[in-house]
Amino acid sequence: MSNTSSTARALTITSVIAAVSLTGYAVYFDYKRRSNPEFRKQLKHKLKKQAEKEKKEKDEAKQIKLELVSQHLSKDLASDPISINPADREKVFTSNVELGERLSMSPGKELESAVKFYKALSVYPNPADLLGIYQRSVPEAVYEYIVMMIAVLPPANISTFLSGSKDKALAQEAELAAMAEVNEIVE
């Protein structure tokens, strides 16, 4: 019985000492933070350095991801170029959307899925509407890849949409020329 009480007493004393030490350190740290301007500067400097380091790491990761997306898109367009034949647009759109949907449901296939959605977007007549649909219906990771692909290699229909071309004939002609150019670049 005395053995149990001495163990409990030792644990209680150890716990009290640890709590007092921790509280003492917290009070000391708070006092230094409030009263010593050099200490505050060091803390701010450390926080600023850490924030800069995190931002740099995020930027590097984003750049690596963008490069990966660019390489994957170029490789896929080289092996399976987008058809420039206007008669095949509906078939190309439907097949790529179906493949993209199936691939987006598989974990680890986000990039391949995004390529299929990108190809469907590049033949769709109104890309702004389709991007809105993608944003609501496609998983976030896939949508992010689609946006990156558009930034890396904007499809012709988006290029003409962004430039505000009013003349449909000129827009279609520019789109066909751009698709042919993309296919030449990839080859």
N, C-alpha and C. Protein backbone atom coordinates (compact mmCIF):
# COMPACT_ATOMS: atom_id res chain seq x y z
N MET A 1 0.82 -1.18 0.00
CA MET A 1 0.00 0.00 0.00
C MET A 1 0.87 1.25 0.00
N SER A 2 1.92 1.22 0.83
CA SER A 2 2.80 2.38 0.90
C SER A 2 3.60 2.54 -0.39
N ASN A 3 3.82 1.42 -1.09
CA ASN A 3 4.53 1.44 -2.36
C ASN A 3 3.70 2.16 -3.42
N THR A 4 2.41 1.91 -3.45
CA THR A 4 1.51 2.55 -4.40
C THR A 4 1.38 4.05 -4.11
N SER A 5 1.28 4.39 -2.85
CA SER A 5 1.13 5.80 -2.51
C SER A 5 2.41 6.58 -2.78
N SER A 6 3.58 5.94 -2.61
CA SER A 6 4.83 6.64 -2.90
C SER A 6 5.01 6.84 -4.41
N THR A 7 4.54 5.88 -5.22
CA THR A 7 4.59 6.02 -6.67
C THR A 7 3.66 7.13 -7.13
N ALA A 8 2.47 7.16 -6.57
CA ALA A 8 1.51 8.20 -6.92
C ALA A 8 2.04 9.57 -6.50
N ARG A 9 2.67 9.60 -5.33
CA ARG A 9 3.22 10.87 -4.83
C ARG A 9 4.35 11.35 -5.76
N ALA A 10 5.21 10.44 -6.21
CA ALA A 10 6.31 10.80 -7.10
C ALA A 10 5.77 11.31 -8.45
N LEU A 11 4.74 10.65 -8.96
CA LEU A 11 4.13 11.10 -10.22
C LEU A 11 3.49 12.47 -10.07
N THR A 12 2.86 12.71 -8.95
CA THR A 12 2.23 14.01 -8.70
C THR A 12 3.29 15.10 -8.62
N ILE A 13 4.37 14.84 -7.91
CA ILE A 13 5.44 15.83 -7.78
C ILE A 13 6.07 16.11 -9.15
N THR A 14 6.31 15.06 -9.93
CA THR A 14 6.88 15.22 -11.27
C THR A 14 5.95 16.03 -12.16
N SER A 15 4.67 15.76 -12.10
CA SER A 15 3.69 16.49 -12.90
C SER A 15 3.64 17.96 -12.50
N VAL A 16 3.67 18.23 -11.22
CA VAL A 16 3.64 19.62 -10.73
C VAL A 16 4.90 20.36 -11.18
N ILE A 17 6.05 19.72 -11.07
CA ILE A 17 7.31 20.35 -11.50
C ILE A 17 7.27 20.64 -13.00
N ALA A 18 6.78 19.70 -13.80
CA ALA A 18 6.69 19.90 -15.25
C ALA A 18 5.74 21.05 -15.58
N ALA A 19 4.60 21.10 -14.91
CA ALA A 19 3.63 22.17 -15.16
C ALA A 19 4.19 23.53 -14.76
N VAL A 20 4.87 23.60 -13.62
CA VAL A 20 5.47 24.86 -13.17
C VAL A 20 6.57 25.30 -14.14
N SER A 21 7.38 24.35 -14.61
CA SER A 21 8.45 24.67 -15.56
C SER A 21 7.87 25.20 -16.87
N LEU A 22 6.85 24.55 -17.37
CA LEU A 22 6.21 24.97 -18.61
C LEU A 22 5.58 26.35 -18.46
N THR A 23 4.92 26.58 -17.36
CA THR A 23 4.30 27.88 -17.11
C THR A 23 5.38 28.96 -16.98
N GLY A 24 6.46 28.63 -16.29
CA GLY A 24 7.57 29.59 -16.15
C GLY A 24 8.17 29.95 -17.49
N TYR A 25 8.36 28.96 -18.35
CA TYR A 25 8.91 29.24 -19.68
C TYR A 25 7.95 30.11 -20.48
N ALA A 26 6.66 29.82 -20.40
CA ALA A 26 5.67 30.62 -21.13
C ALA A 26 5.67 32.07 -20.65
N VAL A 27 5.77 32.26 -19.34
CA VAL A 27 5.81 33.63 -18.78
C VAL A 27 7.09 34.33 -19.24
N TYR A 28 8.22 33.63 -19.19
CA TYR A 28 9.49 34.21 -19.64
C TYR A 28 9.42 34.59 -21.11
N PHE A 29 8.92 33.69 -21.94
CA PHE A 29 8.81 33.95 -23.38
C PHE A 29 7.92 35.15 -23.64
N ASP A 30 6.79 35.23 -22.94
CA ASP A 30 5.87 36.35 -23.12
C ASP A 30 6.54 37.66 -22.68
N TYR A 31 7.27 37.61 -21.58
CA TYR A 31 7.96 38.81 -21.09
C TYR A 31 8.99 39.28 -22.12
N LYS A 32 9.79 38.35 -22.65
CA LYS A 32 10.80 38.70 -23.66
C LYS A 32 10.14 39.26 -24.91
N ARG A 33 9.05 38.66 -25.31
CA ARG A 33 8.35 39.10 -26.51
C ARG A 33 7.82 40.51 -26.34
N ARG A 34 7.31 40.81 -25.16
CA ARG A 34 6.72 42.13 -24.93
C ARG A 34 7.76 43.22 -24.67
N SER A 35 8.83 42.89 -23.99
CA SER A 35 9.74 43.93 -23.53
C SER A 35 11.01 44.09 -24.37
N ASN A 36 11.42 43.08 -25.09
CA ASN A 36 12.68 43.15 -25.82
C ASN A 36 12.41 43.37 -27.31
N PRO A 37 12.71 44.57 -27.84
CA PRO A 37 12.44 44.84 -29.26
C PRO A 37 13.28 43.97 -30.19
N GLU A 38 14.49 43.64 -29.79
CA GLU A 38 15.34 42.79 -30.63
C GLU A 38 14.76 41.39 -30.75
N PHE A 39 14.21 40.88 -29.68
CA PHE A 39 13.58 39.56 -29.69
C PHE A 39 12.38 39.55 -30.63
N ARG A 40 11.58 40.64 -30.57
CA ARG A 40 10.42 40.75 -31.47
C ARG A 40 10.88 40.77 -32.92
N LYS A 41 11.96 41.52 -33.19
CA LYS A 41 12.49 41.58 -34.56
C LYS A 41 12.93 40.20 -35.03
N GLN A 42 13.58 39.46 -34.15
CA GLN A 42 14.02 38.11 -34.51
C GLN A 42 12.83 37.21 -34.81
N LEU A 43 11.79 37.31 -33.99
CA LEU A 43 10.60 36.50 -34.23
C LEU A 43 9.96 36.85 -35.57
N LYS A 44 9.82 38.16 -35.84
CA LYS A 44 9.24 38.59 -37.11
C LYS A 44 10.10 38.14 -38.28
N HIS A 45 11.41 38.25 -38.11
CA HIS A 45 12.33 37.83 -39.17
C HIS A 45 12.19 36.33 -39.45
N LYS A 46 12.11 35.54 -38.39
CA LYS A 46 11.93 34.09 -38.56
C LYS A 46 10.62 33.77 -39.27
N LEU A 47 9.55 34.44 -38.85
CA LEU A 47 8.25 34.21 -39.49
C LEU A 47 8.28 34.62 -40.96
N LYS A 48 8.92 35.75 -41.23
CA LYS A 48 9.00 36.23 -42.61
C LYS A 48 9.82 35.27 -43.47
N LYS A 49 10.95 34.80 -42.93
CA LYS A 49 11.77 33.83 -43.67
C LYS A 49 11.00 32.55 -43.95
N GLN A 50 10.26 32.09 -42.94
CA GLN A 50 9.49 30.87 -43.11
C GLN A 50 8.41 31.06 -44.17
N ALA A 51 7.73 32.21 -44.16
CA ALA A 51 6.70 32.48 -45.16
C ALA A 51 7.30 32.56 -46.56
N GLU A 52 8.47 33.20 -46.69
CA GLU A 52 9.14 33.27 -47.99
C GLU A 52 9.54 31.88 -48.47
N LYS A 53 10.04 31.07 -47.56
CA LYS A 53 10.45 29.71 -47.91
C LYS A 53 9.24 28.90 -48.40
N GLU A 54 8.12 29.00 -47.68
CA GLU A 54 6.91 28.28 -48.08
C GLU A 54 6.41 28.76 -49.44
N LYS A 55 6.46 30.07 -49.66
CA LYS A 55 6.01 30.62 -50.94
C LYS A 55 6.91 30.12 -52.07
N LYS A 56 8.21 30.12 -51.83
CA LYS A 56 9.16 29.64 -52.84
C LYS A 56 8.92 28.17 -53.16
N GLU A 57 8.68 27.37 -52.13
CA GLU A 57 8.41 25.94 -52.34
C GLU A 57 7.12 25.74 -53.13
N LYS A 58 6.09 26.54 -52.82
CA LYS A 58 4.83 26.45 -53.55
C LYS A 58 5.03 26.83 -55.01
N ASP A 59 5.78 27.91 -55.26
CA ASP A 59 6.03 28.34 -56.63
C ASP A 59 6.81 27.29 -57.41
N GLU A 60 7.82 26.69 -56.76
CA GLU A 60 8.60 25.64 -57.42
C GLU A 60 7.72 24.43 -57.73
N ALA A 61 6.88 24.05 -56.78
CA ALA A 61 5.98 22.91 -57.00
C ALA A 61 5.01 23.21 -58.13
N LYS A 62 4.50 24.43 -58.17
CA LYS A 62 3.57 24.81 -59.23
C LYS A 62 4.27 24.80 -60.59
N GLN A 63 5.51 25.28 -60.64
CA GLN A 63 6.27 25.29 -61.88
C GLN A 63 6.55 23.87 -62.36
N ILE A 64 6.90 22.99 -61.44
CA ILE A 64 7.14 21.59 -61.80
C ILE A 64 5.86 20.95 -62.32
N LYS A 65 4.75 21.24 -61.64
CA LYS A 65 3.46 20.69 -62.06
C LYS A 65 3.08 21.21 -63.45
N LEU A 66 3.33 22.50 -63.70
CA LEU A 66 3.02 23.09 -65.00
C LEU A 66 3.88 22.45 -66.09
N GLU A 67 5.14 22.20 -65.79
CA GLU A 67 6.03 21.55 -66.75
C GLU A 67 5.56 20.13 -67.04
N LEU A 68 5.15 19.41 -66.01
CA LEU A 68 4.64 18.05 -66.17
C LEU A 68 3.39 18.06 -67.05
N VAL A 69 2.49 18.99 -66.80
CA VAL A 69 1.27 19.10 -67.59
C VAL A 69 1.61 19.42 -69.04
N SER A 70 2.54 20.33 -69.25
CA SER A 70 2.94 20.70 -70.61
C SER A 70 3.53 19.51 -71.36
N GLN A 71 4.41 18.77 -70.71
CA GLN A 71 5.02 17.60 -71.35
C GLN A 71 3.98 16.54 -71.67
N HIS A 72 3.09 16.29 -70.71
CA HIS A 72 2.07 15.26 -70.91
C HIS A 72 1.12 15.66 -72.05
N LEU A 73 0.73 16.92 -72.09
CA LEU A 73 -0.17 17.40 -73.14
C LEU A 73 0.51 17.30 -74.50
N SER A 74 1.75 17.73 -74.60
CA SER A 74 2.47 17.66 -75.87
C SER A 74 2.62 16.22 -76.34
N LYS A 75 2.95 15.33 -75.41
CA LYS A 75 3.12 13.92 -75.77
C LYS A 75 1.80 13.32 -76.25
N ASP A 76 0.71 13.64 -75.56
CA ASP A 76 -0.59 13.10 -75.94
C ASP A 76 -1.06 13.66 -77.27
N LEU A 77 -0.84 14.96 -77.50
CA LEU A 77 -1.24 15.55 -78.78
C LEU A 77 -0.39 15.02 -79.92
N ALA A 78 0.85 14.64 -79.64
CA ALA A 78 1.71 14.06 -80.67
C ALA A 78 1.23 12.67 -81.05
N SER A 79 0.81 11.90 -80.06
CA SER A 79 0.37 10.53 -80.35
C SER A 79 -1.06 10.49 -80.87
N ASP A 80 -1.90 11.42 -80.45
CA ASP A 80 -3.30 11.44 -80.87
C ASP A 80 -3.73 12.89 -81.12
N PRO A 81 -3.38 13.45 -82.30
CA PRO A 81 -3.69 14.86 -82.55
C PRO A 81 -5.21 15.10 -82.65
N ILE A 82 -5.59 16.34 -82.39
CA ILE A 82 -6.99 16.74 -82.48
C ILE A 82 -7.36 16.87 -83.95
N SER A 83 -8.47 16.27 -84.32
CA SER A 83 -8.93 16.31 -85.71
C SER A 83 -9.33 17.74 -86.09
N ILE A 84 -8.86 18.19 -87.26
CA ILE A 84 -9.22 19.53 -87.72
C ILE A 84 -10.39 19.48 -88.70
N ASN A 85 -10.91 18.31 -88.95
CA ASN A 85 -12.04 18.15 -89.85
C ASN A 85 -13.32 18.57 -89.13
N PRO A 86 -14.04 19.58 -89.65
CA PRO A 86 -15.27 20.05 -88.98
C PRO A 86 -16.35 18.97 -88.87
N ALA A 87 -16.36 18.00 -89.77
CA ALA A 87 -17.38 16.96 -89.73
C ALA A 87 -17.18 16.01 -88.54
N ASP A 88 -15.96 15.89 -88.08
CA ASP A 88 -15.65 14.96 -86.98
C ASP A 88 -15.77 15.59 -85.60
N ARG A 89 -16.09 16.86 -85.52
CA ARG A 89 -16.09 17.57 -84.23
C ARG A 89 -17.02 16.93 -83.20
N GLU A 90 -18.23 16.59 -83.61
CA GLU A 90 -19.18 16.03 -82.64
C GLU A 90 -18.69 14.69 -82.10
N LYS A 91 -18.17 13.87 -83.00
CA LYS A 91 -17.66 12.56 -82.60
C LYS A 91 -16.46 12.71 -81.66
N VAL A 92 -15.55 13.61 -82.01
CA VAL A 92 -14.36 13.85 -81.19
C VAL A 92 -14.79 14.37 -79.82
N PHE A 93 -15.73 15.30 -79.80
CA PHE A 93 -16.21 15.87 -78.54
C PHE A 93 -16.82 14.79 -77.65
N THR A 94 -17.74 14.03 -78.21
CA THR A 94 -18.45 13.01 -77.43
C THR A 94 -17.49 11.95 -76.89
N SER A 95 -16.62 11.45 -77.74
CA SER A 95 -15.72 10.38 -77.29
C SER A 95 -14.75 10.89 -76.22
N ASN A 96 -14.25 12.10 -76.39
CA ASN A 96 -13.31 12.62 -75.39
C ASN A 96 -13.98 12.93 -74.07
N VAL A 97 -15.21 13.43 -74.10
CA VAL A 97 -15.93 13.70 -72.84
C VAL A 97 -16.21 12.38 -72.12
N GLU A 98 -16.64 11.36 -72.86
CA GLU A 98 -16.92 10.06 -72.23
C GLU A 98 -15.65 9.47 -71.60
N LEU A 99 -14.55 9.50 -72.36
CA LEU A 99 -13.29 8.98 -71.82
C LEU A 99 -12.83 9.80 -70.62
N GLY A 100 -12.97 11.11 -70.71
CA GLY A 100 -12.59 11.97 -69.60
C GLY A 100 -13.39 11.68 -68.34
N GLU A 101 -14.69 11.46 -68.50
CA GLU A 101 -15.53 11.15 -67.34
C GLU A 101 -15.13 9.82 -66.71
N ARG A 102 -14.88 8.82 -67.55
CA ARG A 102 -14.47 7.52 -67.02
C ARG A 102 -13.13 7.61 -66.30
N LEU A 103 -12.19 8.32 -66.92
CA LEU A 103 -10.87 8.44 -66.31
C LEU A 103 -10.89 9.27 -65.03
N SER A 104 -11.78 10.26 -64.97
CA SER A 104 -11.83 11.11 -63.77
C SER A 104 -12.33 10.35 -62.56
N MET A 105 -13.03 9.25 -62.78
CA MET A 105 -13.52 8.44 -61.67
C MET A 105 -12.43 7.52 -61.11
N SER A 106 -11.38 7.31 -61.90
CA SER A 106 -10.28 6.45 -61.47
C SER A 106 -9.23 7.27 -60.73
N PRO A 107 -8.86 6.87 -59.53
CA PRO A 107 -7.81 7.61 -58.82
C PRO A 107 -6.47 7.49 -59.55
N GLY A 108 -5.75 8.59 -59.63
CA GLY A 108 -4.45 8.60 -60.28
C GLY A 108 -4.51 8.85 -61.77
N LYS A 109 -5.69 9.01 -62.33
CA LYS A 109 -5.85 9.23 -63.77
C LYS A 109 -6.32 10.66 -64.06
N GLU A 110 -6.08 11.58 -63.14
CA GLU A 110 -6.58 12.94 -63.29
C GLU A 110 -5.98 13.64 -64.51
N LEU A 111 -4.68 13.46 -64.73
CA LEU A 111 -4.01 14.13 -65.84
C LEU A 111 -4.51 13.60 -67.18
N GLU A 112 -4.66 12.29 -67.30
CA GLU A 112 -5.18 11.71 -68.54
C GLU A 112 -6.61 12.18 -68.79
N SER A 113 -7.39 12.24 -67.73
CA SER A 113 -8.76 12.72 -67.83
C SER A 113 -8.80 14.17 -68.29
N ALA A 114 -7.92 14.99 -67.74
CA ALA A 114 -7.88 16.41 -68.11
C ALA A 114 -7.51 16.58 -69.58
N VAL A 115 -6.63 15.73 -70.09
CA VAL A 115 -6.27 15.81 -71.52
C VAL A 115 -7.49 15.54 -72.39
N LYS A 116 -8.29 14.56 -72.01
CA LYS A 116 -9.49 14.25 -72.79
C LYS A 116 -10.48 15.41 -72.74
N PHE A 117 -10.68 15.98 -71.55
CA PHE A 117 -11.57 17.13 -71.44
C PHE A 117 -11.03 18.33 -72.22
N TYR A 118 -9.71 18.50 -72.23
CA TYR A 118 -9.08 19.58 -72.99
C TYR A 118 -9.34 19.41 -74.49
N LYS A 119 -9.20 18.17 -74.96
CA LYS A 119 -9.46 17.92 -76.38
C LYS A 119 -10.92 18.19 -76.73
N ALA A 120 -11.84 17.80 -75.84
CA ALA A 120 -13.26 18.09 -76.08
C ALA A 120 -13.49 19.59 -76.09
N LEU A 121 -12.84 20.30 -75.21
CA LEU A 121 -12.98 21.76 -75.14
C LEU A 121 -12.45 22.42 -76.41
N SER A 122 -11.40 21.86 -76.97
CA SER A 122 -10.79 22.48 -78.14
C SER A 122 -11.64 22.35 -79.40
N VAL A 123 -12.60 21.42 -79.42
CA VAL A 123 -13.47 21.31 -80.59
C VAL A 123 -14.88 21.83 -80.32
N TYR A 124 -15.16 22.21 -79.09
CA TYR A 124 -16.50 22.69 -78.72
C TYR A 124 -16.67 24.12 -79.23
N PRO A 125 -17.84 24.44 -79.81
CA PRO A 125 -18.02 25.77 -80.39
C PRO A 125 -18.08 26.92 -79.37
N ASN A 126 -18.54 26.65 -78.15
CA ASN A 126 -18.63 27.71 -77.15
C ASN A 126 -17.85 27.29 -75.90
N PRO A 127 -16.55 27.55 -75.88
CA PRO A 127 -15.70 27.05 -74.80
C PRO A 127 -16.01 27.64 -73.42
N ALA A 128 -16.51 28.86 -73.37
CA ALA A 128 -16.80 29.48 -72.06
C ALA A 128 -17.90 28.70 -71.34
N ASP A 129 -18.93 28.30 -72.06
CA ASP A 129 -20.01 27.51 -71.44
C ASP A 129 -19.48 26.16 -70.96
N LEU A 130 -18.68 25.53 -71.79
CA LEU A 130 -18.15 24.22 -71.43
C LEU A 130 -17.22 24.30 -70.22
N LEU A 131 -16.44 25.36 -70.12
CA LEU A 131 -15.58 25.53 -68.94
C LEU A 131 -16.42 25.69 -67.68
N GLY A 132 -17.55 26.39 -67.78
CA GLY A 132 -18.45 26.52 -66.64
C GLY A 132 -19.02 25.17 -66.23
N ILE A 133 -19.37 24.36 -67.21
CA ILE A 133 -19.88 23.02 -66.93
C ILE A 133 -18.79 22.17 -66.27
N TYR A 134 -17.58 22.24 -66.82
CA TYR A 134 -16.46 21.50 -66.23
C TYR A 134 -16.25 21.91 -64.77
N GLN A 135 -16.33 23.20 -64.50
CA GLN A 135 -16.08 23.69 -63.15
C GLN A 135 -17.08 23.12 -62.16
N ARG A 136 -18.32 22.94 -62.60
CA ARG A 136 -19.35 22.42 -61.70
C ARG A 136 -19.35 20.90 -61.62
N SER A 137 -18.95 20.20 -62.68
CA SER A 137 -19.16 18.76 -62.71
C SER A 137 -17.89 17.91 -62.61
N VAL A 138 -16.75 18.48 -62.92
CA VAL A 138 -15.50 17.72 -62.94
C VAL A 138 -14.81 17.87 -61.58
N PRO A 139 -14.12 16.83 -61.10
CA PRO A 139 -13.38 16.96 -59.84
C PRO A 139 -12.37 18.13 -59.90
N GLU A 140 -12.13 18.73 -58.77
CA GLU A 140 -11.31 19.94 -58.68
C GLU A 140 -9.90 19.73 -59.25
N ALA A 141 -9.29 18.59 -58.96
CA ALA A 141 -7.93 18.33 -59.46
C ALA A 141 -7.91 18.27 -60.98
N VAL A 142 -8.92 17.66 -61.57
CA VAL A 142 -9.00 17.55 -63.03
C VAL A 142 -9.23 18.94 -63.63
N TYR A 143 -10.11 19.72 -63.03
CA TYR A 143 -10.39 21.07 -63.53
C TYR A 143 -9.13 21.93 -63.47
N GLU A 144 -8.37 21.79 -62.41
CA GLU A 144 -7.12 22.55 -62.27
C GLU A 144 -6.15 22.19 -63.40
N TYR A 145 -6.06 20.91 -63.72
CA TYR A 145 -5.21 20.49 -64.84
C TYR A 145 -5.71 21.06 -66.17
N ILE A 146 -7.02 21.09 -66.36
CA ILE A 146 -7.58 21.64 -67.60
C ILE A 146 -7.19 23.11 -67.74
N VAL A 147 -7.32 23.86 -66.67
CA VAL A 147 -6.97 25.28 -66.70
C VAL A 147 -5.48 25.45 -66.98
N MET A 148 -4.64 24.59 -66.41
CA MET A 148 -3.20 24.66 -66.68
C MET A 148 -2.92 24.38 -68.15
N MET A 149 -3.63 23.40 -68.71
CA MET A 149 -3.42 23.07 -70.12
C MET A 149 -3.83 24.22 -71.01
N ILE A 150 -4.90 24.90 -70.66
CA ILE A 150 -5.34 26.06 -71.43
C ILE A 150 -4.28 27.16 -71.34
N ALA A 151 -3.66 27.31 -70.17
CA ALA A 151 -2.62 28.32 -70.00
C ALA A 151 -1.37 27.96 -70.81
N VAL A 152 -1.04 26.68 -70.86
CA VAL A 152 0.15 26.24 -71.58
C VAL A 152 -0.06 26.32 -73.08
N LEU A 153 -1.16 25.78 -73.56
CA LEU A 153 -1.44 25.73 -74.99
C LEU A 153 -2.91 26.02 -75.22
N PRO A 154 -3.28 27.30 -75.34
CA PRO A 154 -4.70 27.63 -75.51
C PRO A 154 -5.24 27.08 -76.82
N PRO A 155 -6.37 26.38 -76.77
CA PRO A 155 -6.99 25.92 -78.01
C PRO A 155 -7.40 27.11 -78.87
N ALA A 156 -7.53 26.88 -80.15
CA ALA A 156 -7.84 27.96 -81.09
C ALA A 156 -9.18 28.60 -80.78
N ASN A 157 -10.19 27.81 -80.41
CA ASN A 157 -11.50 28.40 -80.15
C ASN A 157 -11.48 29.28 -78.91
N ILE A 158 -10.62 29.00 -77.98
CA ILE A 158 -10.49 29.87 -76.81
C ILE A 158 -9.69 31.11 -77.18
N SER A 159 -8.68 30.95 -78.02
CA SER A 159 -7.89 32.10 -78.45
C SER A 159 -8.76 33.12 -79.17
N THR A 160 -9.62 32.63 -80.06
CA THR A 160 -10.49 33.56 -80.77
C THR A 160 -11.55 34.13 -79.84
N PHE A 161 -12.00 33.33 -78.88
CA PHE A 161 -12.98 33.82 -77.90
C PHE A 161 -12.37 34.92 -77.04
N LEU A 162 -11.13 34.71 -76.60
CA LEU A 162 -10.47 35.70 -75.76
C LEU A 162 -10.13 36.97 -76.52
N SER A 163 -9.82 36.84 -77.81
CA SER A 163 -9.48 38.03 -78.58
C SER A 163 -10.72 38.81 -78.98
N GLY A 164 -11.90 38.23 -78.80
CA GLY A 164 -13.15 38.95 -79.07
C GLY A 164 -13.47 39.03 -80.55
N SER A 165 -13.06 38.06 -81.33
CA SER A 165 -13.33 38.07 -82.76
C SER A 165 -14.82 37.97 -83.02
N LYS A 166 -15.36 38.91 -83.80
CA LYS A 166 -16.79 38.96 -84.08
C LYS A 166 -17.15 38.16 -85.33
N ASP A 167 -16.28 38.13 -86.26
CA ASP A 167 -16.59 37.49 -87.53
C ASP A 167 -16.40 35.98 -87.40
N LYS A 168 -17.49 35.22 -87.54
CA LYS A 168 -17.42 33.76 -87.36
C LYS A 168 -16.54 33.09 -88.40
N ALA A 169 -16.60 33.55 -89.63
CA ALA A 169 -15.79 32.94 -90.67
C ALA A 169 -14.31 33.11 -90.37
N LEU A 170 -13.94 34.30 -89.94
CA LEU A 170 -12.54 34.53 -89.58
C LEU A 170 -12.15 33.70 -88.36
N ALA A 171 -13.07 33.59 -87.42
CA ALA A 171 -12.80 32.81 -86.22
C ALA A 171 -12.59 31.34 -86.56
N GLN A 172 -13.46 30.80 -87.42
CA GLN A 172 -13.32 29.39 -87.79
C GLN A 172 -12.04 29.17 -88.59
N GLU A 173 -11.73 30.11 -89.47
CA GLU A 173 -10.51 29.99 -90.25
C GLU A 173 -9.28 30.04 -89.33
N ALA A 174 -9.30 30.95 -88.38
CA ALA A 174 -8.20 31.06 -87.43
C ALA A 174 -8.10 29.80 -86.58
N GLU A 175 -9.26 29.25 -86.23
CA GLU A 175 -9.28 28.03 -85.42
C GLU A 175 -8.66 26.87 -86.18
N LEU A 176 -9.04 26.70 -87.44
CA LEU A 176 -8.48 25.62 -88.24
C LEU A 176 -6.98 25.79 -88.42
N ALA A 177 -6.56 27.03 -88.66
CA ALA A 177 -5.13 27.29 -88.82
C ALA A 177 -4.37 27.00 -87.53
N ALA A 178 -4.95 27.38 -86.42
CA ALA A 178 -4.29 27.14 -85.13
C ALA A 178 -4.22 25.65 -84.82
N MET A 179 -5.29 24.91 -85.13
CA MET A 179 -5.27 23.46 -84.90
C MET A 179 -4.21 22.79 -85.77
N ALA A 180 -4.12 23.23 -87.02
CA ALA A 180 -3.10 22.68 -87.90
C ALA A 180 -1.71 23.02 -87.36
N GLU A 181 -1.55 24.24 -86.85
CA GLU A 181 -0.27 24.65 -86.29
C GLU A 181 0.08 23.82 -85.06
N VAL A 182 -0.90 23.57 -84.21
CA VAL A 182 -0.66 22.74 -83.02
C VAL A 182 -0.23 21.35 -83.43
N ASN A 183 -0.90 20.80 -84.42
CA ASN A 183 -0.55 19.45 -84.89
C ASN A 183 0.86 19.44 -85.48
N GLU A 184 1.25 20.53 -86.18
CA GLU A 184 2.60 20.61 -86.73
C GLU A 184 3.64 20.73 -85.63
N ILE A 185 3.34 21.54 -84.61
CA ILE A 185 4.28 21.74 -83.51
C ILE A 185 4.51 20.43 -82.78
N VAL A 186 3.43 19.71 -82.56
CA VAL A 186 3.51 18.47 -81.81
C VAL A 186 4.27 17.41 -82.59
N GLU A 187 4.11 17.40 -83.88
CA GLU A 187 4.79 16.40 -84.70
C GLU A 187 6.23 16.76 -84.78
